[in-house]
Amino acid sequence: MTINERQDELIEEFTMFDDWMEKYEYIIDLGKDVEGIAEADKSEDYLVRGCQSRVWLIPSKEKETLHFQADSDAIITKGIVGMVVRVLSNSTADEILKSDLYFVDKIGLKEHLSPTRSNGLVSMIKKIKTYALAYSAKAI
Protein backbone atom coordinates (compact mmCIF):
# COMPACT_ATOMS: atom_id res chain seq x y z
CA MET A 1 0.00 0.00 0.00
CA THR A 2 1.36 3.44 -0.91
CA ILE A 3 1.50 6.52 1.32
CA ASN A 4 -1.37 8.08 -0.64
CA GLU A 5 -3.48 4.91 -0.35
CA ARG A 6 -2.94 4.90 3.43
CA GLN A 7 -3.86 8.60 3.59
CA ASP A 8 -7.01 7.98 1.55
CA GLU A 9 -7.95 5.10 3.87
CA LEU A 10 -7.56 7.35 6.93
CA ILE A 11 -9.54 10.16 5.29
CA GLU A 12 -12.32 7.67 4.49
CA GLU A 13 -12.42 6.54 8.13
CA PHE A 14 -12.88 10.14 9.30
CA THR A 15 -15.80 10.73 6.91
CA MET A 16 -17.87 8.40 9.12
CA PHE A 17 -17.98 11.07 11.84
CA ASP A 18 -20.27 14.08 11.75
CA ASP A 19 -18.68 16.35 14.32
CA TRP A 20 -15.30 17.01 15.84
CA MET A 21 -16.10 15.52 19.22
CA GLU A 22 -16.57 12.17 17.48
CA LYS A 23 -13.35 12.70 15.52
CA TYR A 24 -11.43 13.48 18.72
CA GLU A 25 -12.82 10.29 20.26
CA TYR A 26 -11.62 8.36 17.21
CA ILE A 27 -8.14 9.91 17.50
CA ILE A 28 -8.10 8.80 21.15
CA ASP A 29 -9.15 5.29 20.07
CA LEU A 30 -6.34 5.27 17.50
CA GLY A 31 -3.95 6.26 20.29
CA LYS A 32 -5.09 3.29 22.36
CA ASP A 33 -4.21 1.03 19.41
CA VAL A 34 -0.63 2.32 19.18
CA GLU A 35 1.65 -0.38 20.51
CA GLY A 36 3.93 2.11 22.22
CA ILE A 37 7.56 1.89 23.21
CA ALA A 38 9.19 0.17 26.16
CA GLU A 39 10.16 2.59 28.94
CA ALA A 40 13.84 1.65 28.51
CA ASP A 41 13.71 2.85 24.87
CA LYS A 42 12.19 6.25 25.67
CA SER A 43 15.48 8.09 25.49
CA GLU A 44 16.26 11.70 24.64
CA ASP A 45 17.62 10.48 21.28
CA TYR A 46 14.12 9.56 20.13
CA LEU A 47 12.23 12.46 21.71
CA VAL A 48 10.46 14.76 19.26
CA ARG A 49 11.29 18.38 20.04
CA GLY A 50 8.55 20.96 19.62
CA CYS A 51 5.68 18.90 21.04
CA GLN A 52 3.73 20.03 24.08
CA SER A 53 3.53 16.40 25.20
CA ARG A 54 6.43 13.99 25.24
CA VAL A 55 6.56 12.07 21.95
CA TRP A 56 9.10 9.44 20.95
CA LEU A 57 9.74 8.11 17.43
CA ILE A 58 12.06 5.18 16.87
CA PRO A 59 13.05 4.39 13.27
CA SER A 60 14.17 1.07 11.87
CA LYS A 61 14.91 -0.18 8.40
CA GLU A 62 14.10 -3.55 6.87
CA LYS A 63 15.48 -3.99 3.37
CA GLU A 64 14.46 -0.74 1.67
CA THR A 65 11.51 0.27 3.84
CA LEU A 66 11.48 2.36 6.98
CA HIS A 67 9.35 1.53 9.97
CA PHE A 68 8.53 3.66 12.98
CA GLN A 69 7.49 2.94 16.53
CA ALA A 70 5.87 5.78 18.40
CA ASP A 71 4.61 6.68 21.83
CA SER A 72 3.43 9.70 23.78
CA ASP A 73 2.53 10.51 27.35
CA ALA A 74 -0.77 12.09 26.17
CA ILE A 75 -3.45 9.89 24.61
CA ILE A 76 -4.67 12.33 21.95
CA THR A 77 -1.07 13.04 20.92
CA LYS A 78 -0.46 9.30 20.81
CA GLY A 79 -3.38 9.04 18.37
CA ILE A 80 -1.96 11.83 16.22
CA VAL A 81 1.52 10.32 16.07
CA GLY A 82 -0.12 6.95 15.43
CA MET A 83 -1.81 8.36 12.33
CA VAL A 84 1.46 9.84 11.05
CA VAL A 85 3.30 6.56 11.64
CA ARG A 86 0.50 4.57 10.00
CA VAL A 87 0.71 6.73 6.86
CA LEU A 88 4.52 6.85 6.57
CA SER A 89 5.76 3.49 7.91
CA ASN A 90 6.48 0.71 5.43
CA SER A 91 7.71 3.20 2.84
CA THR A 92 11.10 3.88 1.36
CA ALA A 93 13.09 6.91 2.47
CA ASP A 94 12.55 8.45 -0.98
CA GLU A 95 8.77 7.95 -0.79
CA ILE A 96 8.68 9.59 2.62
CA LEU A 97 10.79 12.54 1.49
CA LYS A 98 8.59 13.12 -1.57
CA SER A 99 5.29 12.63 0.25
CA ASP A 100 2.64 15.31 0.48
CA LEU A 101 0.70 14.63 3.66
CA TYR A 102 -2.66 15.93 2.49
CA PHE A 103 -4.61 13.86 5.05
CA VAL A 104 -3.86 16.53 7.69
CA ASP A 105 -5.90 19.11 5.75
CA LYS A 106 -8.53 16.70 4.41
CA ILE A 107 -9.38 15.42 7.90
CA GLY A 108 -9.41 18.99 9.23
CA LEU A 109 -6.68 18.45 11.81
CA LYS A 110 -4.96 21.79 11.23
CA GLU A 111 -7.95 23.91 12.11
CA HIS A 112 -9.13 21.73 15.00
CA LEU A 113 -5.88 21.25 16.89
CA SER A 114 -4.57 23.77 19.37
CA PRO A 115 -1.55 25.75 18.12
CA THR A 116 0.79 23.73 20.35
CA ARG A 117 -0.59 20.40 19.07
CA SER A 118 -0.36 21.70 15.50
CA ASN A 119 3.28 22.59 16.08
CA GLY A 120 3.80 19.13 17.54
CA LEU A 121 2.28 17.51 14.46
CA VAL A 122 4.64 19.48 12.24
CA SER A 123 7.56 18.43 14.48
CA MET A 124 6.56 14.75 14.22
CA ILE A 125 6.46 14.90 10.42
CA LYS A 126 9.74 16.80 10.31
CA LYS A 127 11.41 14.21 12.58
CA ILE A 128 10.27 11.32 10.36
CA LYS A 129 11.46 13.13 7.23
CA THR A 130 14.80 13.80 8.96
CA TYR A 131 15.13 10.08 9.71
CA ALA A 132 14.28 9.32 6.06
CA LEU A 133 16.91 11.79 4.89
CA ALA A 134 19.50 10.19 7.16
CA TYR A 135 18.70 6.69 5.89
CA SER A 136 18.73 8.00 2.32
CA ALA A 137 22.18 9.52 2.82
CA LYS A 138 23.50 6.21 4.20
CA ALA A 139 22.38 4.42 1.03
CA ILE A 140 24.61 6.58 -1.18
C-alpha atoms as a PDB file:
ATOM      1  CA  MET A   1       0.000   0.000   0.000  1.00  0.00           C
ATOM      2  CA  THR A   2       1.355   3.445  -0.907  1.00  0.00           C
ATOM      3  CA  ILE A   3       1.498   6.523   1.318  1.00  0.00           C
ATOM      4  CA  ASN A   4      -1.373   8.079  -0.636  1.00  0.00           C
ATOM      5  CA  GLU A   5      -3.476   4.910  -0.347  1.00  0.00           C
ATOM      6  CA  ARG A   6      -2.940   4.902   3.426  1.00  0.00           C
ATOM      7  CA  GLN A   7      -3.855   8.599   3.587  1.00  0.00           C
ATOM      8  CA  ASP A   8      -7.013   7.984   1.552  1.00  0.00           C
ATOM      9  CA  GLU A   9      -7.950   5.100   3.865  1.00  0.00           C
ATOM     10  CA  LEU A  10      -7.555   7.351   6.925  1.00  0.00           C
ATOM     11  CA  ILE A  11      -9.544  10.157   5.290  1.00  0.00           C
ATOM     12  CA  GLU A  12     -12.319   7.667   4.490  1.00  0.00           C
ATOM     13  CA  GLU A  13     -12.425   6.538   8.134  1.00  0.00           C
ATOM     14  CA  PHE A  14     -12.878  10.137   9.297  1.00  0.00           C
ATOM     15  CA  THR A  15     -15.802  10.734   6.913  1.00  0.00           C
ATOM     16  CA  MET A  16     -17.870   8.404   9.123  1.00  0.00           C
ATOM     17  CA  PHE A  17     -17.983  11.068  11.841  1.00  0.00           C
ATOM     18  CA  ASP A  18     -20.275  14.076  11.748  1.00  0.00           C
ATOM     19  CA  ASP A  19     -18.682  16.348  14.316  1.00  0.00           C
ATOM     20  CA  TRP A  20     -15.297  17.014  15.844  1.00  0.00           C
ATOM     21  CA  MET A  21     -16.103  15.517  19.218  1.00  0.00           C
ATOM     22  CA  GLU A  22     -16.571  12.171  17.480  1.00  0.00           C
ATOM     23  CA  LYS A  23     -13.351  12.704  15.525  1.00  0.00           C
ATOM     24  CA  TYR A  24     -11.426  13.475  18.724  1.00  0.00           C
ATOM     25  CA  GLU A  25     -12.822  10.292  20.262  1.00  0.00           C
ATOM     26  CA  TYR A  26     -11.621   8.365  17.215  1.00  0.00           C
ATOM     27  CA  ILE A  27      -8.139   9.910  17.498  1.00  0.00           C
ATOM     28  CA  ILE A  28      -8.095   8.802  21.148  1.00  0.00           C
ATOM     29  CA  ASP A  29      -9.148   5.293  20.071  1.00  0.00           C
ATOM     30  CA  LEU A  30      -6.338   5.273  17.501  1.00  0.00           C
ATOM     31  CA  GLY A  31      -3.952   6.265  20.295  1.00  0.00           C
ATOM     32  CA  LYS A  32      -5.087   3.291  22.360  1.00  0.00           C
ATOM     33  CA  ASP A  33      -4.210   1.027  19.414  1.00  0.00           C
ATOM     34  CA  VAL A  34      -0.629   2.325  19.176  1.00  0.00           C
ATOM     35  CA  GLU A  35       1.650  -0.378  20.513  1.00  0.00           C
ATOM     36  CA  GLY A  36       3.932   2.110  22.220  1.00  0.00           C
ATOM     37  CA  ILE A  37       7.564   1.891  23.207  1.00  0.00           C
ATOM     38  CA  ALA A  38       9.194   0.171  26.159  1.00  0.00           C
ATOM     39  CA  GLU A  39      10.164   2.593  28.941  1.00  0.00           C
ATOM     40  CA  ALA A  40      13.835   1.647  28.505  1.00  0.00           C
ATOM     41  CA  ASP A  41      13.714   2.852  24.874  1.00  0.00           C
ATOM     42  CA  LYS A  42      12.188   6.255  25.670  1.00  0.00           C
ATOM     43  CA  SER A  43      15.477   8.093  25.490  1.00  0.00           C
ATOM     44  CA  GLU A  44      16.263  11.698  24.640  1.00  0.00           C
ATOM     45  CA  ASP A  45      17.619  10.481  21.283  1.00  0.00           C
ATOM     46  CA  TYR A  46      14.118   9.562  20.133  1.00  0.00           C
ATOM     47  CA  LEU A  47      12.234  12.455  21.713  1.00  0.00           C
ATOM     48  CA  VAL A  48      10.459  14.757  19.260  1.00  0.00           C
ATOM     49  CA  ARG A  49      11.295  18.379  20.036  1.00  0.00           C
ATOM     50  CA  GLY A  50       8.546  20.962  19.617  1.00  0.00           C
ATOM     51  CA  CYS A  51       5.684  18.903  21.040  1.00  0.00           C
ATOM     52  CA  GLN A  52       3.731  20.027  24.084  1.00  0.00           C
ATOM     53  CA  SER A  53       3.526  16.397  25.205  1.00  0.00           C
ATOM     54  CA  ARG A  54       6.429  13.993  25.236  1.00  0.00           C
ATOM     55  CA  VAL A  55       6.563  12.068  21.951  1.00  0.00           C
ATOM     56  CA  TRP A  56       9.097   9.438  20.947  1.00  0.00           C
ATOM     57  CA  LEU A  57       9.736   8.113  17.434  1.00  0.00           C
ATOM     58  CA  ILE A  58      12.063   5.181  16.869  1.00  0.00           C
ATOM     59  CA  PRO A  59      13.053   4.394  13.275  1.00  0.00           C
ATOM     60  CA  SER A  60      14.166   1.074  11.871  1.00  0.00           C
ATOM     61  CA  LYS A  61      14.908  -0.183   8.399  1.00  0.00           C
ATOM     62  CA  GLU A  62      14.099  -3.552   6.868  1.00  0.00           C
ATOM     63  CA  LYS A  63      15.485  -3.988   3.371  1.00  0.00           C
ATOM     64  CA  GLU A  64      14.461  -0.738   1.672  1.00  0.00           C
ATOM     65  CA  THR A  65      11.506   0.267   3.843  1.00  0.00           C
ATOM     66  CA  LEU A  66      11.481   2.356   6.979  1.00  0.00           C
ATOM     67  CA  HIS A  67       9.347   1.525   9.971  1.00  0.00           C
ATOM     68  CA  PHE A  68       8.532   3.663  12.982  1.00  0.00           C
ATOM     69  CA  GLN A  69       7.494   2.937  16.530  1.00  0.00           C
ATOM     70  CA  ALA A  70       5.869   5.783  18.400  1.00  0.00           C
ATOM     71  CA  ASP A  71       4.609   6.678  21.827  1.00  0.00           C
ATOM     72  CA  SER A  72       3.426   9.699  23.781  1.00  0.00           C
ATOM     73  CA  ASP A  73       2.527  10.510  27.354  1.00  0.00           C
ATOM     74  CA  ALA A  74      -0.769  12.094  26.172  1.00  0.00           C
ATOM     75  CA  ILE A  75      -3.447   9.895  24.608  1.00  0.00           C
ATOM     76  CA  ILE A  76      -4.666  12.333  21.950  1.00  0.00           C
ATOM     77  CA  THR A  77      -1.071  13.042  20.916  1.00  0.00           C
ATOM     78  CA  LYS A  78      -0.456   9.302  20.808  1.00  0.00           C
ATOM     79  CA  GLY A  79      -3.379   9.042  18.375  1.00  0.00           C
ATOM     80  CA  ILE A  80      -1.964  11.835  16.217  1.00  0.00           C
ATOM     81  CA  VAL A  81       1.519  10.315  16.073  1.00  0.00           C
ATOM     82  CA  GLY A  82      -0.121   6.948  15.435  1.00  0.00           C
ATOM     83  CA  MET A  83      -1.807   8.358  12.328  1.00  0.00           C
ATOM     84  CA  VAL A  84       1.460   9.841  11.046  1.00  0.00           C
ATOM     85  CA  VAL A  85       3.304   6.563  11.635  1.00  0.00           C
ATOM     86  CA  ARG A  86       0.500   4.570   9.997  1.00  0.00           C
ATOM     87  CA  VAL A  87       0.711   6.725   6.864  1.00  0.00           C
ATOM     88  CA  LEU A  88       4.519   6.852   6.573  1.00  0.00           C
ATOM     89  CA  SER A  89       5.757   3.488   7.910  1.00  0.00           C
ATOM     90  CA  ASN A  90       6.481   0.709   5.431  1.00  0.00           C
ATOM     91  CA  SER A  91       7.705   3.205   2.837  1.00  0.00           C
ATOM     92  CA  THR A  92      11.104   3.880   1.359  1.00  0.00           C
ATOM     93  CA  ALA A  93      13.086   6.910   2.466  1.00  0.00           C
ATOM     94  CA  ASP A  94      12.553   8.451  -0.979  1.00  0.00           C
ATOM     95  CA  GLU A  95       8.771   7.947  -0.788  1.00  0.00           C
ATOM     96  CA  ILE A  96       8.680   9.589   2.625  1.00  0.00           C
ATOM     97  CA  LEU A  97      10.793  12.537   1.494  1.00  0.00           C
ATOM     98  CA  LYS A  98       8.593  13.122  -1.568  1.00  0.00           C
ATOM     99  CA  SER A  99       5.287  12.632   0.248  1.00  0.00           C
ATOM    100  CA  ASP A 100       2.640  15.309   0.482  1.00  0.00           C
ATOM    101  CA  LEU A 101       0.695  14.625   3.659  1.00  0.00           C
ATOM    102  CA  TYR A 102      -2.663  15.926   2.495  1.00  0.00           C
ATOM    103  CA  PHE A 103      -4.610  13.859   5.054  1.00  0.00           C
ATOM    104  CA  VAL A 104      -3.864  16.526   7.693  1.00  0.00           C
ATOM    105  CA  ASP A 105      -5.904  19.105   5.747  1.00  0.00           C
ATOM    106  CA  LYS A 106      -8.530  16.697   4.413  1.00  0.00           C
ATOM    107  CA  ILE A 107      -9.385  15.419   7.904  1.00  0.00           C
ATOM    108  CA  GLY A 108      -9.411  18.991   9.232  1.00  0.00           C
ATOM    109  CA  LEU A 109      -6.684  18.453  11.812  1.00  0.00           C
ATOM    110  CA  LYS A 110      -4.962  21.793  11.227  1.00  0.00           C
ATOM    111  CA  GLU A 111      -7.950  23.913  12.106  1.00  0.00           C
ATOM    112  CA  HIS A 112      -9.131  21.734  15.001  1.00  0.00           C
ATOM    113  CA  LEU A 113      -5.876  21.247  16.887  1.00  0.00           C
ATOM    114  CA  SER A 114      -4.571  23.767  19.368  1.00  0.00           C
ATOM    115  CA  PRO A 115      -1.555  25.749  18.122  1.00  0.00           C
ATOM    116  CA  THR A 116       0.789  23.732  20.348  1.00  0.00           C
ATOM    117  CA  ARG A 117      -0.595  20.403  19.072  1.00  0.00           C
ATOM    118  CA  SER A 118      -0.364  21.703  15.501  1.00  0.00           C
ATOM    119  CA  ASN A 119       3.282  22.590  16.076  1.00  0.00           C
ATOM    120  CA  GLY A 120       3.798  19.129  17.543  1.00  0.00           C
ATOM    121  CA  LEU A 121       2.283  17.505  14.464  1.00  0.00           C
ATOM    122  CA  VAL A 122       4.643  19.479  12.235  1.00  0.00           C
ATOM    123  CA  SER A 123       7.556  18.429  14.476  1.00  0.00           C
ATOM    124  CA  MET A 124       6.563  14.751  14.216  1.00  0.00           C
ATOM    125  CA  ILE A 125       6.459  14.904  10.419  1.00  0.00           C
ATOM    126  CA  LYS A 126       9.743  16.797  10.310  1.00  0.00           C
ATOM    127  CA  LYS A 127      11.408  14.206  12.575  1.00  0.00           C
ATOM    128  CA  ILE A 128      10.271  11.318  10.358  1.00  0.00           C
ATOM    129  CA  LYS A 129      11.461  13.131   7.234  1.00  0.00           C
ATOM    130  CA  THR A 130      14.804  13.800   8.960  1.00  0.00           C
ATOM    131  CA  TYR A 131      15.135  10.079   9.707  1.00  0.00           C
ATOM    132  CA  ALA A 132      14.277   9.321   6.064  1.00  0.00           C
ATOM    133  CA  LEU A 133      16.913  11.794   4.886  1.00  0.00           C
ATOM    134  CA  ALA A 134      19.499  10.191   7.165  1.00  0.00           C
ATOM    135  CA  TYR A 135      18.698   6.691   5.889  1.00  0.00           C
ATOM    136  CA  SER A 136      18.730   7.995   2.323  1.00  0.00           C
ATOM    137  CA  ALA A 137      22.180   9.523   2.822  1.00  0.00           C
ATOM    138  CA  LYS A 138      23.498   6.205   4.205  1.00  0.00           C
ATOM    139  CA  ALA A 139      22.376   4.425   1.028  1.00  0.00           C
ATOM    140  CA  ILE A 140      24.605   6.584  -1.185  1.00  0.00           C
END
